Amino acid sequence: MGREYEPTVGQWYEDLENEETFQVLKVDEDKEIVEIQHLDGDIEELDVDGWTELDLELTEEPEGWSGSKAEKDEEDEDDDWEEDEDDDDDDDLDDDDDEDHEEY
């Protein structure tokens, strides 16, 4: 069995026994639950006993990772910005309409 690591939100771990990499999303100390997200995007909850049975090593965020909740939240903010940008385009259309009316 590998070293025992405390679950740390945002930290990446490699489960050596199952050859899986995952990130800790949430630690609920009251319920003694650790929520993790696997590379394929699946989210799993482990109880504290299940966590301590894992053969873990610390690892880095996988290259090209795009599935974390934090990044999705950031993308949502980008989408909001793009919607604002689209609103500017609507103003441009109104300007074009005004130009058409000036020709009459």
Protein backbone atom coordinates (compact mmCIF):
# COMPACT_ATOMS: atom_id res chain seq x y z
CA MET A 1 0.00 0.00 0.00
CA GLY A 2 1.22 3.52 -0.85
CA ARG A 3 1.48 6.51 1.38
CA GLU A 4 -1.67 7.78 3.02
CA TYR A 5 -2.64 11.25 1.84
CA GLU A 6 -5.32 13.48 3.25
CA PRO A 7 -7.90 14.37 0.57
CA THR A 8 -7.20 17.92 -0.58
CA VAL A 9 -9.67 19.81 -2.78
CA GLY A 10 -8.14 20.49 -6.20
CA GLN A 11 -5.31 17.98 -5.74
CA TRP A 12 -4.77 15.25 -8.32
CA TYR A 13 -4.05 11.67 -7.23
CA GLU A 14 -3.18 8.45 -8.99
CA ASP A 15 -4.84 5.28 -7.73
CA LEU A 16 -1.94 2.89 -8.30
CA GLU A 17 -3.98 -0.27 -7.87
CA ASN A 18 -6.59 0.67 -10.50
CA GLU A 19 -4.24 2.85 -12.58
CA GLU A 20 -6.70 5.74 -12.50
CA THR A 21 -6.11 9.45 -12.09
CA PHE A 22 -8.63 11.67 -10.36
CA GLN A 23 -9.08 15.05 -8.72
CA VAL A 24 -10.69 15.76 -5.36
CA LEU A 25 -13.67 18.08 -5.85
CA LYS A 26 -15.08 18.27 -2.35
CA VAL A 27 -14.42 17.01 1.16
CA ASP A 28 -17.42 16.89 3.51
CA GLU A 29 -15.98 16.28 6.96
CA ASP A 30 -19.42 16.14 8.61
CA LYS A 31 -20.66 13.35 6.34
CA GLU A 32 -17.14 11.88 6.01
CA ILE A 33 -17.44 11.89 2.21
CA VAL A 34 -14.80 12.67 -0.42
CA GLU A 35 -16.13 13.62 -3.85
CA ILE A 36 -13.74 12.89 -6.73
CA GLN A 37 -13.83 13.33 -10.49
CA HIS A 38 -12.18 10.83 -12.81
CA LEU A 39 -10.53 11.75 -16.10
CA ASP A 40 -13.60 10.57 -18.02
CA GLY A 41 -15.69 13.13 -16.11
CA ASP A 42 -17.43 10.61 -13.84
CA ILE A 43 -17.97 11.87 -10.32
CA GLU A 44 -17.78 9.45 -7.42
CA GLU A 45 -18.26 9.76 -3.69
CA LEU A 46 -16.02 7.79 -1.35
CA ASP A 47 -16.45 7.41 2.37
CA VAL A 48 -13.42 8.05 4.54
CA ASP A 49 -12.78 4.31 4.97
CA GLY A 50 -12.80 3.85 1.19
CA TRP A 51 -10.35 6.72 0.81
CA THR A 52 -7.88 5.26 3.30
CA GLU A 53 -7.92 1.92 1.45
CA LEU A 54 -6.71 3.52 -1.80
CA ASP A 55 -3.08 3.08 -2.86
CA LEU A 56 -2.40 6.69 -3.85
CA GLU A 57 0.40 8.86 -5.15
CA LEU A 58 0.23 12.61 -5.72
CA THR A 59 0.27 13.60 -9.38
CA GLU A 60 -0.03 16.68 -11.56
CA GLU A 61 -3.10 17.79 -13.50
CA PRO A 62 -3.18 15.81 -16.75
CA GLU A 63 -2.16 17.73 -19.84
CA GLY A 64 -5.17 18.91 -21.80
CA TRP A 65 -7.60 18.35 -18.91
CA SER A 66 -10.89 20.10 -19.62
CA GLY A 67 -13.40 18.45 -17.34
CA SER A 68 -13.10 20.16 -13.98
CA LYS A 69 -16.02 22.06 -12.53
CA ALA A 70 -13.92 25.17 -12.04
CA GLU A 71 -13.04 25.31 -15.72
CA LYS A 72 -16.68 24.80 -16.70
CA ASP A 73 -17.68 27.70 -14.46
CA GLU A 74 -15.01 29.80 -16.15
CA GLU A 75 -16.37 28.80 -19.57
CA ASP A 76 -19.85 29.90 -18.48
CA GLU A 77 -18.42 33.32 -17.66
CA ASP A 78 -16.84 33.42 -21.13
CA ASP A 79 -20.23 32.53 -22.66
CA ASP A 80 -21.80 35.46 -20.80
CA TRP A 81 -19.15 37.74 -22.26
CA GLU A 82 -19.85 36.42 -25.75
CA GLU A 83 -23.57 37.08 -25.27
CA ASP A 84 -22.75 40.68 -24.37
CA GLU A 85 -20.64 40.88 -27.49
CA ASP A 86 -23.58 39.57 -29.52
CA ASP A 87 -25.72 42.34 -28.07
CA ASP A 88 -23.32 44.83 -29.65
CA ASP A 89 -23.93 43.12 -33.00
CA ASP A 90 -27.64 43.71 -32.53
CA ASP A 91 -26.91 47.41 -32.14
CA ASP A 92 -25.01 47.29 -35.43
CA LEU A 93 -28.06 45.82 -37.13
CA ASP A 94 -30.17 48.66 -35.78
CA ASP A 95 -27.65 51.11 -37.24
CA ASP A 96 -27.94 49.37 -40.61
CA ASP A 97 -31.70 49.68 -40.44
CA ASP A 98 -31.35 53.42 -39.79
CA GLU A 99 -29.10 53.74 -42.83
CA ASP A 100 -31.72 51.97 -44.96
CA HIS A 101 -34.34 54.41 -43.77
CA GLU A 102 -32.13 57.40 -44.61
CA GLU A 103 -32.02 56.29 -48.25
CA TYR A 104 -35.79 56.78 -48.67
